[in-house]
Amino acid sequence: MEIKILWTEFAINQLEQIFDYYKYRASGEVARKIILQIMDKTILLEKNPFIGVKEPLLLNRKNEYRYLVEGNYKIIYWIEDNYVKISSVFDCRQNPLKMSAGK
């Protein structure tokens, strides 16, 4: 079974914000490196979508959300049919309750 990775518009916007932040604070090269590391981590989900841990703050949602960690970021996703849908990229340095209040 081939699993495809899909990014929600919300998650793509978050990647753009992360890129812009590091481009301004560090450099374009640092920003690209961080984004590539986040995106490369999701490739693991193509072979084993259940590798991520269930997200305890999102247990009350319709979908079963899981996450992987890359650096300071939680890559939050759910599995639907033959797809892994990346819901958001959450900076773990933020208040975790902000995650459950959001998308």
PDB file of N, CA and C in Angstrom:
ATOM      1  N   MET A   1       0.845  -1.176   0.000  1.00  0.00           N
ATOM      2  CA  MET A   1       0.000   0.000   0.000  1.00  0.00           C
ATOM      3  C   MET A   1       0.897   1.248   0.000  1.00  0.00           C
ATOM      4  N   GLU A   2       0.690   2.104  -0.966  1.00  0.00           N
ATOM      5  CA  GLU A   2       1.474   3.330  -1.063  1.00  0.00           C
ATOM      6  C   GLU A   2       0.756   4.461  -0.335  1.00  0.00           C
ATOM      7  N   ILE A   3       1.463   5.066   0.586  1.00  0.00           N
ATOM      8  CA  ILE A   3       0.924   6.177   1.358  1.00  0.00           C
ATOM      9  C   ILE A   3       1.429   7.482   0.746  1.00  0.00           C
ATOM     10  N   LYS A   4       0.545   8.427   0.587  1.00  0.00           N
ATOM     11  CA  LYS A   4       0.917   9.749   0.080  1.00  0.00           C
ATOM     12  C   LYS A   4       0.808  10.762   1.217  1.00  0.00           C
ATOM     13  N   ILE A   5       1.717  11.722   1.200  1.00  0.00           N
ATOM     14  CA  ILE A   5       1.733  12.780   2.202  1.00  0.00           C
ATOM     15  C   ILE A   5       1.067  14.016   1.602  1.00  0.00           C
ATOM     16  N   LEU A   6       0.079  14.541   2.290  1.00  0.00           N
ATOM     17  CA  LEU A   6      -0.588  15.777   1.879  1.00  0.00           C
ATOM     18  C   LEU A   6      -0.447  16.800   2.998  1.00  0.00           C
ATOM     19  N   TRP A   7      -0.171  18.037   2.613  1.00  0.00           N
ATOM     20  CA  TRP A   7      -0.038  19.130   3.571  1.00  0.00           C
ATOM     21  C   TRP A   7      -1.279  20.001   3.482  1.00  0.00           C
ATOM     22  N   THR A   8      -1.879  20.318   4.628  1.00  0.00           N
ATOM     23  CA  THR A   8      -3.018  21.238   4.634  1.00  0.00           C
ATOM     24  C   THR A   8      -2.500  22.647   4.363  1.00  0.00           C
ATOM     25  N   GLU A   9      -3.396  23.498   3.937  1.00  0.00           N
ATOM     26  CA  GLU A   9      -3.029  24.899   3.697  1.00  0.00           C
ATOM     27  C   GLU A   9      -2.518  25.538   4.990  1.00  0.00           C
ATOM     28  N   PHE A  10      -3.142  25.188   6.101  1.00  0.00           N
ATOM     29  CA  PHE A  10      -2.722  25.712   7.403  1.00  0.00           C
ATOM     30  C   PHE A  10      -1.267  25.338   7.698  1.00  0.00           C
ATOM     31  N   ALA A  11      -0.902  24.072   7.461  1.00  0.00           N
ATOM     32  CA  ALA A  11       0.464  23.612   7.725  1.00  0.00           C
ATOM     33  C   ALA A  11       1.467  24.282   6.782  1.00  0.00           C
ATOM     34  N   ILE A  12       1.083  24.461   5.528  1.00  0.00           N
ATOM     35  CA  ILE A  12       1.966  25.142   4.570  1.00  0.00           C
ATOM     36  C   ILE A  12       2.211  26.585   5.014  1.00  0.00           C
ATOM     37  N   ASN A  13       1.156  27.241   5.468  1.00  0.00           N
ATOM     38  CA  ASN A  13       1.311  28.613   5.973  1.00  0.00           C
ATOM     39  C   ASN A  13       2.255  28.661   7.172  1.00  0.00           C
ATOM     40  N   GLN A  14       2.165  27.657   8.030  1.00  0.00           N
ATOM     41  CA  GLN A  14       3.060  27.615   9.186  1.00  0.00           C
ATOM     42  C   GLN A  14       4.512  27.441   8.747  1.00  0.00           C
ATOM     43  N   LEU A  15       4.743  26.585   7.744  1.00  0.00           N
ATOM     44  CA  LEU A  15       6.102  26.420   7.218  1.00  0.00           C
ATOM     45  C   LEU A  15       6.632  27.741   6.667  1.00  0.00           C
ATOM     46  N   GLU A  16       5.780  28.473   5.978  1.00  0.00           N
ATOM     47  CA  GLU A  16       6.185  29.769   5.428  1.00  0.00           C
ATOM     48  C   GLU A  16       6.539  30.746   6.549  1.00  0.00           C
ATOM     49  N   GLN A  17       5.766  30.728   7.629  1.00  0.00           N
ATOM     50  CA  GLN A  17       6.056  31.611   8.767  1.00  0.00           C
ATOM     51  C   GLN A  17       7.373  31.228   9.437  1.00  0.00           C
ATOM     52  N   ILE A  18       7.619  29.940   9.568  1.00  0.00           N
ATOM     53  CA  ILE A  18       8.883  29.467  10.153  1.00  0.00           C
ATOM     54  C   ILE A  18      10.046  29.911   9.273  1.00  0.00           C
ATOM     55  N   PHE A  19       9.890  29.715   7.971  1.00  0.00           N
ATOM     56  CA  PHE A  19      10.936  30.126   7.033  1.00  0.00           C
ATOM     57  C   PHE A  19      11.215  31.625   7.160  1.00  0.00           C
ATOM     58  N   ASP A  20      10.162  32.431   7.131  1.00  0.00           N
ATOM     59  CA  ASP A  20      10.323  33.889   7.210  1.00  0.00           C
ATOM     60  C   ASP A  20      11.007  34.307   8.511  1.00  0.00           C
ATOM     61  N   TYR A  21      10.633  33.666   9.611  1.00  0.00           N
ATOM     62  CA  TYR A  21      11.226  33.996  10.904  1.00  0.00           C
ATOM     63  C   TYR A  21      12.739  33.741  10.883  1.00  0.00           C
ATOM     64  N   TYR A  22      13.135  32.543  10.445  1.00  0.00           N
ATOM     65  CA  TYR A  22      14.561  32.208  10.460  1.00  0.00           C
ATOM     66  C   TYR A  22      15.340  32.951   9.387  1.00  0.00           C
ATOM     67  N   LYS A  23      14.697  33.283   8.291  1.00  0.00           N
ATOM     68  CA  LYS A  23      15.366  34.083   7.258  1.00  0.00           C
ATOM     69  C   LYS A  23      15.719  35.456   7.836  1.00  0.00           C
ATOM     70  N   TYR A  24      14.797  36.022   8.585  1.00  0.00           N
ATOM     71  CA  TYR A  24      15.023  37.340   9.191  1.00  0.00           C
ATOM     72  C   TYR A  24      16.005  37.254  10.364  1.00  0.00           C
ATOM     73  N   ARG A  25      15.818  36.252  11.228  1.00  0.00           N
ATOM     74  CA  ARG A  25      16.622  36.140  12.456  1.00  0.00           C
ATOM     75  C   ARG A  25      18.014  35.549  12.209  1.00  0.00           C
ATOM     76  N   ALA A  26      18.151  34.687  11.204  1.00  0.00           N
ATOM     77  CA  ALA A  26      19.435  34.019  10.963  1.00  0.00           C
ATOM     78  C   ALA A  26      19.886  34.285   9.523  1.00  0.00           C
ATOM     79  N   SER A  27      19.402  33.437   8.598  1.00  0.00           N
ATOM     80  CA  SER A  27      19.731  33.606   7.179  1.00  0.00           C
ATOM     81  C   SER A  27      18.805  32.738   6.340  1.00  0.00           C
ATOM     82  N   GLY A  28      18.789  32.991   5.056  1.00  0.00           N
ATOM     83  CA  GLY A  28      17.992  32.174   4.147  1.00  0.00           C
ATOM     84  C   GLY A  28      18.440  30.724   4.155  1.00  0.00           C
ATOM     85  N   GLU A  29      19.737  30.506   4.280  1.00  0.00           N
ATOM     86  CA  GLU A  29      20.263  29.140   4.305  1.00  0.00           C
ATOM     87  C   GLU A  29      19.801  28.391   5.553  1.00  0.00           C
ATOM     88  N   VAL A  30      19.847  29.041   6.690  1.00  0.00           N
ATOM     89  CA  VAL A  30      19.370  28.428   7.944  1.00  0.00           C
ATOM     90  C   VAL A  30      17.876  28.127   7.821  1.00  0.00           C
ATOM     91  N   ALA A  31      17.110  29.070   7.286  1.00  0.00           N
ATOM     92  CA  ALA A  31      15.666  28.880   7.124  1.00  0.00           C
ATOM     93  C   ALA A  31      15.377  27.684   6.226  1.00  0.00           C
ATOM     94  N   ARG A  32      16.069  27.586   5.099  1.00  0.00           N
ATOM     95  CA  ARG A  32      15.869  26.441   4.181  1.00  0.00           C
ATOM     96  C   ARG A  32      16.214  25.119   4.858  1.00  0.00           C
ATOM     97  N   LYS A  33      17.294  25.106   5.616  1.00  0.00           N
ATOM     98  CA  LYS A  33      17.729  23.884   6.291  1.00  0.00           C
ATOM     99  C   LYS A  33      16.656  23.397   7.275  1.00  0.00           C
ATOM    100  N   ILE A  34      16.095  24.308   8.043  1.00  0.00           N
ATOM    101  CA  ILE A  34      15.067  23.939   9.029  1.00  0.00           C
ATOM    102  C   ILE A  34      13.821  23.404   8.327  1.00  0.00           C
ATOM    103  N   ILE A  35      13.383  24.066   7.270  1.00  0.00           N
ATOM    104  CA  ILE A  35      12.198  23.623   6.537  1.00  0.00           C
ATOM    105  C   ILE A  35      12.440  22.262   5.906  1.00  0.00           C
ATOM    106  N   LEU A  36      13.604  22.058   5.305  1.00  0.00           N
ATOM    107  CA  LEU A  36      13.919  20.756   4.697  1.00  0.00           C
ATOM    108  C   LEU A  36      13.958  19.642   5.737  1.00  0.00           C
ATOM    109  N   GLN A  37      14.479  19.937   6.927  1.00  0.00           N
ATOM    110  CA  GLN A  37      14.507  18.925   7.992  1.00  0.00           C
ATOM    111  C   GLN A  37      13.093  18.539   8.396  1.00  0.00           C
ATOM    112  N   ILE A  38      12.217  19.509   8.510  1.00  0.00           N
ATOM    113  CA  ILE A  38      10.821  19.232   8.867  1.00  0.00           C
ATOM    114  C   ILE A  38      10.169  18.387   7.770  1.00  0.00           C
ATOM    115  N   MET A  39      10.346  18.803   6.528  1.00  0.00           N
ATOM    116  CA  MET A  39       9.716  18.081   5.418  1.00  0.00           C
ATOM    117  C   MET A  39      10.299  16.671   5.253  1.00  0.00           C
ATOM    118  N   ASP A  40      11.609  16.536   5.421  1.00  0.00           N
ATOM    119  CA  ASP A  40      12.242  15.221   5.300  1.00  0.00           C
ATOM    120  C   ASP A  40      11.741  14.252   6.365  1.00  0.00           C
ATOM    121  N   LYS A  41      11.443  14.767   7.544  1.00  0.00           N
ATOM    122  CA  LYS A  41      10.952  13.906   8.636  1.00  0.00           C
ATOM    123  C   LYS A  41       9.646  13.224   8.234  1.00  0.00           C
ATOM    124  N   THR A  42       8.811  13.925   7.468  1.00  0.00           N
ATOM    125  CA  THR A  42       7.516  13.353   7.089  1.00  0.00           C
ATOM    126  C   THR A  42       7.649  12.189   6.115  1.00  0.00           C
ATOM    127  N   ILE A  43       8.793  12.063   5.457  1.00  0.00           N
ATOM    128  CA  ILE A  43       9.006  10.946   4.525  1.00  0.00           C
ATOM    129  C   ILE A  43       8.919   9.609   5.264  1.00  0.00           C
ATOM    130  N   LEU A  44       9.279   9.595   6.534  1.00  0.00           N
ATOM    131  CA  LEU A  44       9.167   8.369   7.341  1.00  0.00           C
ATOM    132  C   LEU A  44       7.733   7.832   7.354  1.00  0.00           C
ATOM    133  N   LEU A  45       6.777   8.742   7.235  1.00  0.00           N
ATOM    134  CA  LEU A  45       5.362   8.355   7.316  1.00  0.00           C
ATOM    135  C   LEU A  45       4.889   7.574   6.084  1.00  0.00           C
ATOM    136  N   GLU A  46       5.611   7.679   4.973  1.00  0.00           N
ATOM    137  CA  GLU A  46       5.238   6.932   3.771  1.00  0.00           C
ATOM    138  C   GLU A  46       5.339   5.429   3.999  1.00  0.00           C
ATOM    139  N   LYS A  47       6.322   5.011   4.782  1.00  0.00           N
ATOM    140  CA  LYS A  47       6.515   3.586   5.051  1.00  0.00           C
ATOM    141  C   LYS A  47       5.799   3.119   6.311  1.00  0.00           C
ATOM    142  N   ASN A  48       5.692   4.000   7.296  1.00  0.00           N
ATOM    143  CA  ASN A  48       5.059   3.628   8.554  1.00  0.00           C
ATOM    144  C   ASN A  48       4.276   4.814   9.121  1.00  0.00           C
ATOM    145  N   PRO A  49       3.040   4.991   8.680  1.00  0.00           N
ATOM    146  CA  PRO A  49       2.267   6.152   9.128  1.00  0.00           C
ATOM    147  C   PRO A  49       1.928   6.143  10.620  1.00  0.00           C
ATOM    148  N   PHE A  50       2.016   4.996  11.257  1.00  0.00           N
ATOM    149  CA  PHE A  50       1.679   4.913  12.680  1.00  0.00           C
ATOM    150  C   PHE A  50       2.895   5.104  13.589  1.00  0.00           C
ATOM    151  N   ILE A  51       4.006   5.550  13.011  1.00  0.00           N
ATOM    152  CA  ILE A  51       5.231   5.746  13.788  1.00  0.00           C
ATOM    153  C   ILE A  51       5.078   6.864  14.818  1.00  0.00           C
ATOM    154  N   GLY A  52       4.236   7.836  14.540  1.00  0.00           N
ATOM    155  CA  GLY A  52       4.049   8.963  15.451  1.00  0.00           C
ATOM    156  C   GLY A  52       3.221   8.605  16.671  1.00  0.00           C
ATOM    157  N   VAL A  53       3.420   9.371  17.711  1.00  0.00           N
ATOM    158  CA  VAL A  53       2.699   9.203  18.974  1.00  0.00           C
ATOM    159  C   VAL A  53       1.349   9.915  18.878  1.00  0.00           C
ATOM    160  N   LYS A  54       0.322   9.347  19.523  1.00  0.00           N
ATOM    161  CA  LYS A  54      -0.972  10.025  19.568  1.00  0.00           C
ATOM    162  C   LYS A  54      -0.832  11.334  20.343  1.00  0.00           C
ATOM    163  N   GLU A  55      -1.430  12.390  19.793  1.00  0.00           N
ATOM    164  CA  GLU A  55      -1.353  13.712  20.433  1.00  0.00           C
ATOM    165  C   GLU A  55      -2.391  13.798  21.543  1.00  0.00           C
ATOM    166  N   PRO A  56      -1.951  13.812  22.818  1.00  0.00           N
ATOM    167  CA  PRO A  56      -2.903  13.798  23.936  1.00  0.00           C
ATOM    168  C   PRO A  56      -3.801  15.032  24.010  1.00  0.00           C
ATOM    169  N   LEU A  57      -3.343  16.174  23.527  1.00  0.00           N
ATOM    170  CA  LEU A  57      -4.158  17.384  23.599  1.00  0.00           C
ATOM    171  C   LEU A  57      -5.248  17.439  22.527  1.00  0.00           C
ATOM    172  N   LEU A  58      -5.209  16.487  21.591  1.00  0.00           N
ATOM    173  CA  LEU A  58      -6.204  16.484  20.513  1.00  0.00           C
ATOM    174  C   LEU A  58      -7.023  15.189  20.493  1.00  0.00           C
ATOM    175  N   LEU A  59      -7.100  14.507  21.615  1.00  0.00           N
ATOM    176  CA  LEU A  59      -7.827  13.245  21.681  1.00  0.00           C
ATOM    177  C   LEU A  59      -9.335  13.412  21.484  1.00  0.00           C
ATOM    178  N   ASN A  60      -9.860  14.583  21.755  1.00  0.00           N
ATOM    179  CA  ASN A  60     -11.301  14.802  21.653  1.00  0.00           C
ATOM    180  C   ASN A  60     -11.739  15.168  20.235  1.00  0.00           C
ATOM    181  N   ARG A  61     -10.840  15.142  19.280  1.00  0.00           N
ATOM    182  CA  ARG A  61     -11.153  15.494  17.895  1.00  0.00           C
ATOM    183  C   ARG A  61     -11.673  14.288  17.118  1.00  0.00           C
ATOM    184  N   LYS A  62     -12.305  14.560  15.996  1.00  0.00           N
ATOM    185  CA  LYS A  62     -12.862  13.511  15.136  1.00  0.00           C
ATOM    186  C   LYS A  62     -11.762  12.575  14.635  1.00  0.00           C
ATOM    187  N   ASN A  63     -10.672  13.149  14.153  1.00  0.00           N
ATOM    188  CA  ASN A  63      -9.555  12.353  13.635  1.00  0.00           C
ATOM    189  C   ASN A  63      -8.598  11.993  14.768  1.00  0.00           C
ATOM    190  N   GLU A  64      -7.879  10.908  14.582  1.00  0.00           N
ATOM    191  CA  GLU A  64      -6.851  10.525  15.536  1.00  0.00           C
ATOM    192  C   GLU A  64      -5.550  11.211  15.133  1.00  0.00           C
ATOM    193  N   TYR A  65      -5.197  12.255  15.857  1.00  0.00           N
ATOM    194  CA  TYR A  65      -3.993  13.014  15.538  1.00  0.00           C
ATOM    195  C   TYR A  65      -2.774  12.368  16.168  1.00  0.00           C
ATOM    196  N   ARG A  66      -1.710  12.348  15.396  1.00  0.00           N
ATOM    197  CA  ARG A  66      -0.414  11.839  15.843  1.00  0.00           C
ATOM    198  C   ARG A  66       0.625  12.899  15.557  1.00  0.00           C
ATOM    199  N   TYR A  67       1.822  12.696  16.086  1.00  0.00           N
ATOM    200  CA  TYR A  67       2.873  13.672  15.805  1.00  0.00           C
ATOM    201  C   TYR A  67       4.252  13.040  15.766  1.00  0.00           C
ATOM    202  N   LEU A  68       5.129  13.705  15.031  1.00  0.00           N
ATOM    203  CA  LEU A  68       6.560  13.444  15.019  1.00  0.00           C
ATOM    204  C   LEU A  68       7.231  14.727  15.504  1.00  0.00           C
ATOM    205  N   VAL A  69       8.421  14.602  16.048  1.00  0.00           N
ATOM    206  CA  VAL A  69       9.166  15.775  16.489  1.00  0.00           C
ATOM    207  C   VAL A  69      10.404  15.926  15.616  1.00  0.00           C
ATOM    208  N   GLU A  70      10.614  17.149  15.161  1.00  0.00           N
ATOM    209  CA  GLU A  70      11.835  17.498  14.431  1.00  0.00           C
ATOM    210  C   GLU A  70      12.333  18.823  15.005  1.00  0.00           C
ATOM    211  N   GLY A  71      13.465  18.771  15.671  1.00  0.00           N
ATOM    212  CA  GLY A  71      13.993  19.978  16.305  1.00  0.00           C
ATOM    213  C   GLY A  71      13.016  20.486  17.353  1.00  0.00           C
ATOM    214  N   ASN A  72      12.619  21.746  17.229  1.00  0.00           N
ATOM    215  CA  ASN A  72      11.670  22.353  18.166  1.00  0.00           C
ATOM    216  C   ASN A  72      10.224  22.221  17.703  1.00  0.00           C
ATOM    217  N   TYR A  73       9.973  21.426  16.680  1.00  0.00           N
ATOM    218  CA  TYR A  73       8.646  21.407  16.061  1.00  0.00           C
ATOM    219  C   TYR A  73       7.972  20.044  16.136  1.00  0.00           C
ATOM    220  N   LYS A  74       6.682  20.088  16.442  1.00  0.00           N
ATOM    221  CA  LYS A  74       5.813  18.921  16.380  1.00  0.00           C
ATOM    222  C   LYS A  74       5.122  18.956  15.025  1.00  0.00           C
ATOM    223  N   ILE A  75       5.252  17.885  14.287  1.00  0.00           N
ATOM    224  CA  ILE A  75       4.566  17.751  13.002  1.00  0.00           C
ATOM    225  C   ILE A  75       3.314  16.935  13.292  1.00  0.00           C
ATOM    226  N   ILE A  76       2.170  17.591  13.277  1.00  0.00           N
ATOM    227  CA  ILE A  76       0.915  16.964  13.676  1.00  0.00           C
ATOM    228  C   ILE A  76       0.168  16.503  12.431  1.00  0.00           C
ATOM    229  N   TYR A  77      -0.304  15.257  12.460  1.00  0.00           N
ATOM    230  CA  TYR A  77      -0.952  14.676  11.278  1.00  0.00           C
ATOM    231  C   TYR A  77      -2.032  13.699  11.667  1.00  0.00           C
ATOM    232  N   TRP A  78      -2.849  13.328  10.680  1.00  0.00           N
ATOM    233  CA  TRP A  78      -3.792  12.247  10.844  1.00  0.00           C
ATOM    234  C   TRP A  78      -3.744  11.382   9.595  1.00  0.00           C
ATOM    235  N   ILE A  79      -4.237  10.170   9.727  1.00  0.00           N
ATOM    236  CA  ILE A  79      -4.211   9.194   8.637  1.00  0.00           C
ATOM    237  C   ILE A  79      -5.633   9.016   8.135  1.00  0.00           C
ATOM    238  N   GLU A  80      -5.778   9.092   6.816  1.00  0.00           N
ATOM    239  CA  GLU A  80      -7.089   8.920   6.197  1.00  0.00           C
ATOM    240  C   GLU A  80      -6.903   8.134   4.908  1.00  0.00           C
ATOM    241  N   ASP A  81      -7.455   6.932   4.866  1.00  0.00           N
ATOM    242  CA  ASP A  81      -7.301   6.040   3.708  1.00  0.00           C
ATOM    243  C   ASP A  81      -5.813   5.835   3.421  1.00  0.00           C
ATOM    244  N   ASN A  82      -5.367   6.160   2.207  1.00  0.00           N
ATOM    245  CA  ASN A  82      -3.958   5.986   1.836  1.00  0.00           C
ATOM    246  C   ASN A  82      -3.188   7.301   1.920  1.00  0.00           C
ATOM    247  N   TYR A  83      -3.647   8.190   2.771  1.00  0.00           N
ATOM    248  CA  TYR A  83      -3.031   9.505   2.904  1.00  0.00           C
ATOM    249  C   TYR A  83      -2.643   9.784   4.347  1.00  0.00           C
ATOM    250  N   VAL A  84      -1.532  10.476   4.481  1.00  0.00           N
ATOM    251  CA  VAL A  84      -1.164  11.087   5.746  1.00  0.00           C
ATOM    252  C   VAL A  84      -1.334  12.579   5.510  1.00  0.00           C
ATOM    253  N   LYS A  85      -2.166  13.204   6.305  1.00  0.00           N
ATOM    254  CA  LYS A  85      -2.449  14.626   6.133  1.00  0.00           C
ATOM    255  C   LYS A  85      -1.770  15.406   7.258  1.00  0.00           C
ATOM    256  N   ILE A  86      -0.834  16.243   6.853  1.00  0.00           N
ATOM    257  CA  ILE A  86      -0.115  17.067   7.817  1.00  0.00           C
ATOM    258  C   ILE A  86      -1.025  18.232   8.186  1.00  0.00           C
ATOM    259  N   SER A  87      -1.430  18.269   9.430  1.00  0.00           N
ATOM    260  CA  SER A  87      -2.373  19.265   9.910  1.00  0.00           C
ATOM    261  C   SER A  87      -1.696  20.569  10.305  1.00  0.00           C
ATOM    262  N   SER A  88      -0.594  20.449  11.035  1.00  0.00           N
ATOM    263  CA  SER A  88       0.109  21.654  11.472  1.00  0.00           C
ATOM    264  C   SER A  88       1.537  21.324  11.881  1.00  0.00           C
ATOM    265  N   VAL A  89       2.327  22.384  11.985  1.00  0.00           N
ATOM    266  CA  VAL A  89       3.694  22.289  12.476  1.00  0.00           C
ATOM    267  C   VAL A  89       3.743  23.233  13.676  1.00  0.00           C
ATOM    268  N   PHE A  90       3.800  22.651  14.851  1.00  0.00           N
ATOM    269  CA  PHE A  90       3.656  23.402  16.095  1.00  0.00           C
ATOM    270  C   PHE A  90       5.015  23.585  16.764  1.00  0.00           C
ATOM    271  N   ASP A  91       5.345  24.810  17.090  1.00  0.00           N
ATOM    272  CA  ASP A  91       6.581  25.108  17.799  1.00  0.00           C
ATOM    273  C   ASP A  91       6.410  24.698  19.262  1.00  0.00           C
ATOM    274  N   CYS A  92       7.180  23.724  19.700  1.00  0.00           N
ATOM    275  CA  CYS A  92       7.055  23.178  21.054  1.00  0.00           C
ATOM    276  C   CYS A  92       7.452  24.174  22.140  1.00  0.00           C
ATOM    277  N   ARG A  93       8.019  25.293  21.756  1.00  0.00           N
ATOM    278  CA  ARG A  93       8.392  26.301  22.747  1.00  0.00           C
ATOM    279  C   ARG A  93       7.197  27.181  23.114  1.00  0.00           C
ATOM    280  N   GLN A  94       6.074  26.985  22.438  1.00  0.00           N
ATOM    281  CA  GLN A  94       4.852  27.727  22.753  1.00  0.00           C
ATOM    282  C   GLN A  94       4.059  26.995  23.841  1.00  0.00           C
ATOM    283  N   ASN A  95       3.070  27.676  24.374  1.00  0.00           N
ATOM    284  CA  ASN A  95       2.167  27.064  25.349  1.00  0.00           C
ATOM    285  C   ASN A  95       1.399  25.948  24.651  1.00  0.00           C
ATOM    286  N   PRO A  96       1.463  24.708  25.149  1.00  0.00           N
ATOM    287  CA  PRO A  96       0.784  23.600  24.488  1.00  0.00           C
ATOM    288  C   PRO A  96      -0.731  23.777  24.396  1.00  0.00           C
ATOM    289  N   LEU A  97      -1.338  24.524  25.295  1.00  0.00           N
ATOM    290  CA  LEU A  97      -2.776  24.729  25.240  1.00  0.00           C
ATOM    291  C   LEU A  97      -3.170  25.522  23.993  1.00  0.00           C
ATOM    292  N   LYS A  98      -2.229  26.236  23.433  1.00  0.00           N
ATOM    293  CA  LYS A  98      -2.476  26.978  22.203  1.00  0.00           C
ATOM    294  C   LYS A  98      -2.802  26.018  21.062  1.00  0.00           C
ATOM    295  N   MET A  99      -2.228  24.822  21.102  1.00  0.00           N
ATOM    296  CA  MET A  99      -2.454  23.807  20.069  1.00  0.00           C
ATOM    297  C   MET A  99      -3.897  23.321  20.119  1.00  0.00           C
ATOM    298  N   SER A 100      -4.398  23.003  21.286  1.00  0.00           N
ATOM    299  CA  SER A 100      -5.755  22.448  21.392  1.00  0.00           C
ATOM    300  C   SER A 100      -6.811  23.495  21.108  1.00  0.00           C
ATOM    301  N   ALA A 101      -6.475  24.749  21.233  1.00  0.00           N
ATOM    302  CA  ALA A 101      -7.430  25.816  20.939  1.00  0.00           C
ATOM    303  C   ALA A 101      -7.476  26.134  19.451  1.00  0.00           C
ATOM    304  N   GLY A 102      -6.407  25.761  18.737  1.00  0.00           N
ATOM    305  CA  GLY A 102      -6.318  26.080  17.309  1.00  0.00           C
ATOM    306  C   GLY A 102      -6.991  25.054  16.446  1.00  0.00           C
ATOM    307  N   LYS A 103      -6.435  24.857  15.306  1.00  0.00           N
ATOM    308  CA  LYS A 103      -6.991  23.942  14.313  1.00  0.00           C
ATOM    309  C   LYS A 103      -6.966  22.518  14.744  1.00  0.00           C
TER     310      LYS A 103
END
